Amino acid sequence: MRTTITLDDRLFMQLKRRAAESGTSVSRVVEQAVRMLMTTPTPESDAEPFELITFGAGGRFSHHNVDRTSALLEIDDVERHARPE
């Protein structure tokens, strides 16, 4: 398949040099580089799959409505700044 790509001038000169050294074409060097890139595992594929660990039998996490952010902030302030009895 034919395609057109835009390369930095310095990179293109490096490609031409590499192609000349290996006795092949610039197109072949680009193809080899792309193949190598596509077969190299990405960091995400090397990572262990994430598993969420939960405890308990389900139910509500809190008796507070977590959709009401302002109420949660107020509760947090009251708990944080309450005077010990």
C-alpha atoms as a PDB file:
ATOM      1  CA  MET A   1       0.000   0.000   0.000  1.00  0.00           C
ATOM      2  CA  ARG A   2       1.284   3.432  -0.820  1.00  0.00           C
ATOM      3  CA  THR A   3       0.929   6.349   1.550  1.00  0.00           C
ATOM      4  CA  THR A   4       2.446   9.752   2.217  1.00  0.00           C
ATOM      5  CA  ILE A   5       3.968  10.748   5.547  1.00  0.00           C
ATOM      6  CA  THR A   6       5.495  14.005   6.741  1.00  0.00           C
ATOM      7  CA  LEU A   7       8.817  13.721   8.574  1.00  0.00           C
ATOM      8  CA  ASP A   8      11.208  16.119  10.227  1.00  0.00           C
ATOM      9  CA  ASP A   9      14.148  16.876   7.896  1.00  0.00           C
ATOM     10  CA  ARG A  10      16.732  15.529  10.347  1.00  0.00           C
ATOM     11  CA  LEU A  11      14.764  12.323  10.834  1.00  0.00           C
ATOM     12  CA  PHE A  12      14.480  11.861   7.074  1.00  0.00           C
ATOM     13  CA  MET A  13      18.254  12.270   6.696  1.00  0.00           C
ATOM     14  CA  GLN A  14      18.786   9.648   9.412  1.00  0.00           C
ATOM     15  CA  LEU A  15      16.393   7.328   7.576  1.00  0.00           C
ATOM     16  CA  LYS A  16      18.241   7.837   4.288  1.00  0.00           C
ATOM     17  CA  ARG A  17      21.568   7.142   5.996  1.00  0.00           C
ATOM     18  CA  ARG A  18      20.220   3.990   7.663  1.00  0.00           C
ATOM     19  CA  ALA A  19      18.729   2.770   4.387  1.00  0.00           C
ATOM     20  CA  ALA A  20      22.029   3.326   2.556  1.00  0.00           C
ATOM     21  CA  GLU A  21      24.011   1.545   5.294  1.00  0.00           C
ATOM     22  CA  SER A  22      21.709  -1.476   5.174  1.00  0.00           C
ATOM     23  CA  GLY A  23      21.377  -1.493   1.384  1.00  0.00           C
ATOM     24  CA  THR A  24      17.620  -1.049   1.402  1.00  0.00           C
ATOM     25  CA  SER A  25      15.065   1.685   0.721  1.00  0.00           C
ATOM     26  CA  VAL A  26      13.766   4.383   3.028  1.00  0.00           C
ATOM     27  CA  SER A  27      10.300   2.832   2.675  1.00  0.00           C
ATOM     28  CA  ARG A  28      11.620  -0.518   3.906  1.00  0.00           C
ATOM     29  CA  VAL A  29      13.325   1.106   6.924  1.00  0.00           C
ATOM     30  CA  VAL A  30      10.091   2.932   7.816  1.00  0.00           C
ATOM     31  CA  GLU A  31       8.103  -0.299   7.436  1.00  0.00           C
ATOM     32  CA  GLN A  32      10.535  -2.197   9.681  1.00  0.00           C
ATOM     33  CA  ALA A  33      10.388   0.567  12.308  1.00  0.00           C
ATOM     34  CA  VAL A  34       6.585   0.606  12.295  1.00  0.00           C
ATOM     35  CA  ARG A  35       6.436  -3.198  12.539  1.00  0.00           C
ATOM     36  CA  MET A  36       8.831  -3.129  15.482  1.00  0.00           C
ATOM     37  CA  LEU A  37       6.743  -0.440  17.194  1.00  0.00           C
ATOM     38  CA  MET A  38       3.510  -2.371  16.647  1.00  0.00           C
ATOM     39  CA  THR A  39       4.927  -5.611  18.102  1.00  0.00           C
ATOM     40  CA  THR A  40       6.463  -3.970  21.174  1.00  0.00           C
ATOM     41  CA  PRO A  41       4.174  -4.406  24.189  1.00  0.00           C
ATOM     42  CA  THR A  42       2.801  -1.208  25.655  1.00  0.00           C
ATOM     43  CA  PRO A  43       3.240  -0.551  29.388  1.00  0.00           C
ATOM     44  CA  GLU A  44      -0.514  -1.046  29.906  1.00  0.00           C
ATOM     45  CA  SER A  45      -0.416  -4.557  28.471  1.00  0.00           C
ATOM     46  CA  ASP A  46       2.391  -5.514  30.873  1.00  0.00           C
ATOM     47  CA  ALA A  47       0.487  -4.299  33.927  1.00  0.00           C
ATOM     48  CA  GLU A  48      -1.350  -6.661  36.213  1.00  0.00           C
ATOM     49  CA  PRO A  49      -5.120  -6.411  35.782  1.00  0.00           C
ATOM     50  CA  PHE A  50      -6.742  -4.184  38.391  1.00  0.00           C
ATOM     51  CA  GLU A  51      -9.084  -5.920  40.794  1.00  0.00           C
ATOM     52  CA  LEU A  52     -11.199  -3.949  43.231  1.00  0.00           C
ATOM     53  CA  ILE A  53     -11.248  -5.626  46.620  1.00  0.00           C
ATOM     54  CA  THR A  54     -14.455  -5.140  48.583  1.00  0.00           C
ATOM     55  CA  PHE A  55     -15.496  -6.174  52.055  1.00  0.00           C
ATOM     56  CA  GLY A  56     -18.855  -6.767  53.638  1.00  0.00           C
ATOM     57  CA  ALA A  57     -22.163  -7.830  52.255  1.00  0.00           C
ATOM     58  CA  GLY A  58     -22.999  -4.719  50.295  1.00  0.00           C
ATOM     59  CA  GLY A  59     -25.487  -2.082  51.264  1.00  0.00           C
ATOM     60  CA  ARG A  60     -24.945   1.627  51.649  1.00  0.00           C
ATOM     61  CA  PHE A  61     -21.452   2.938  52.128  1.00  0.00           C
ATOM     62  CA  SER A  62     -22.635   5.799  54.271  1.00  0.00           C
ATOM     63  CA  HIS A  63     -25.813   7.145  55.738  1.00  0.00           C
ATOM     64  CA  HIS A  64     -24.963  10.474  54.042  1.00  0.00           C
ATOM     65  CA  ASN A  65     -26.229  11.331  50.569  1.00  0.00           C
ATOM     66  CA  VAL A  66     -23.017  11.480  48.519  1.00  0.00           C
ATOM     67  CA  ASP A  67     -24.812  13.320  45.707  1.00  0.00           C
ATOM     68  CA  ARG A  68     -25.173  16.390  47.922  1.00  0.00           C
ATOM     69  CA  THR A  69     -21.606  17.715  47.946  1.00  0.00           C
ATOM     70  CA  SER A  70     -22.339  20.852  49.951  1.00  0.00           C
ATOM     71  CA  ALA A  71     -24.000  18.794  52.685  1.00  0.00           C
ATOM     72  CA  LEU A  72     -20.990  16.458  52.823  1.00  0.00           C
ATOM     73  CA  LEU A  73     -18.624  19.412  53.151  1.00  0.00           C
ATOM     74  CA  GLU A  74     -20.733  20.844  55.957  1.00  0.00           C
ATOM     75  CA  ILE A  75     -20.785  17.501  57.789  1.00  0.00           C
ATOM     76  CA  ASP A  76     -17.015  17.228  57.375  1.00  0.00           C
ATOM     77  CA  ASP A  77     -16.506  20.746  58.765  1.00  0.00           C
ATOM     78  CA  VAL A  78     -18.771  20.075  61.732  1.00  0.00           C
ATOM     79  CA  GLU A  79     -16.976  16.814  62.537  1.00  0.00           C
ATOM     80  CA  ARG A  80     -13.530  18.325  62.077  1.00  0.00           C
ATOM     81  CA  HIS A  81     -14.116  21.481  64.121  1.00  0.00           C
ATOM     82  CA  ALA A  82     -16.482  20.168  66.768  1.00  0.00           C
ATOM     83  CA  ARG A  83     -15.451  20.776  70.337  1.00  0.00           C
ATOM     84  CA  PRO A  84     -14.840  17.641  72.361  1.00  0.00           C
ATOM     85  CA  GLU A  85     -17.518  17.071  74.950  1.00  0.00           C
END
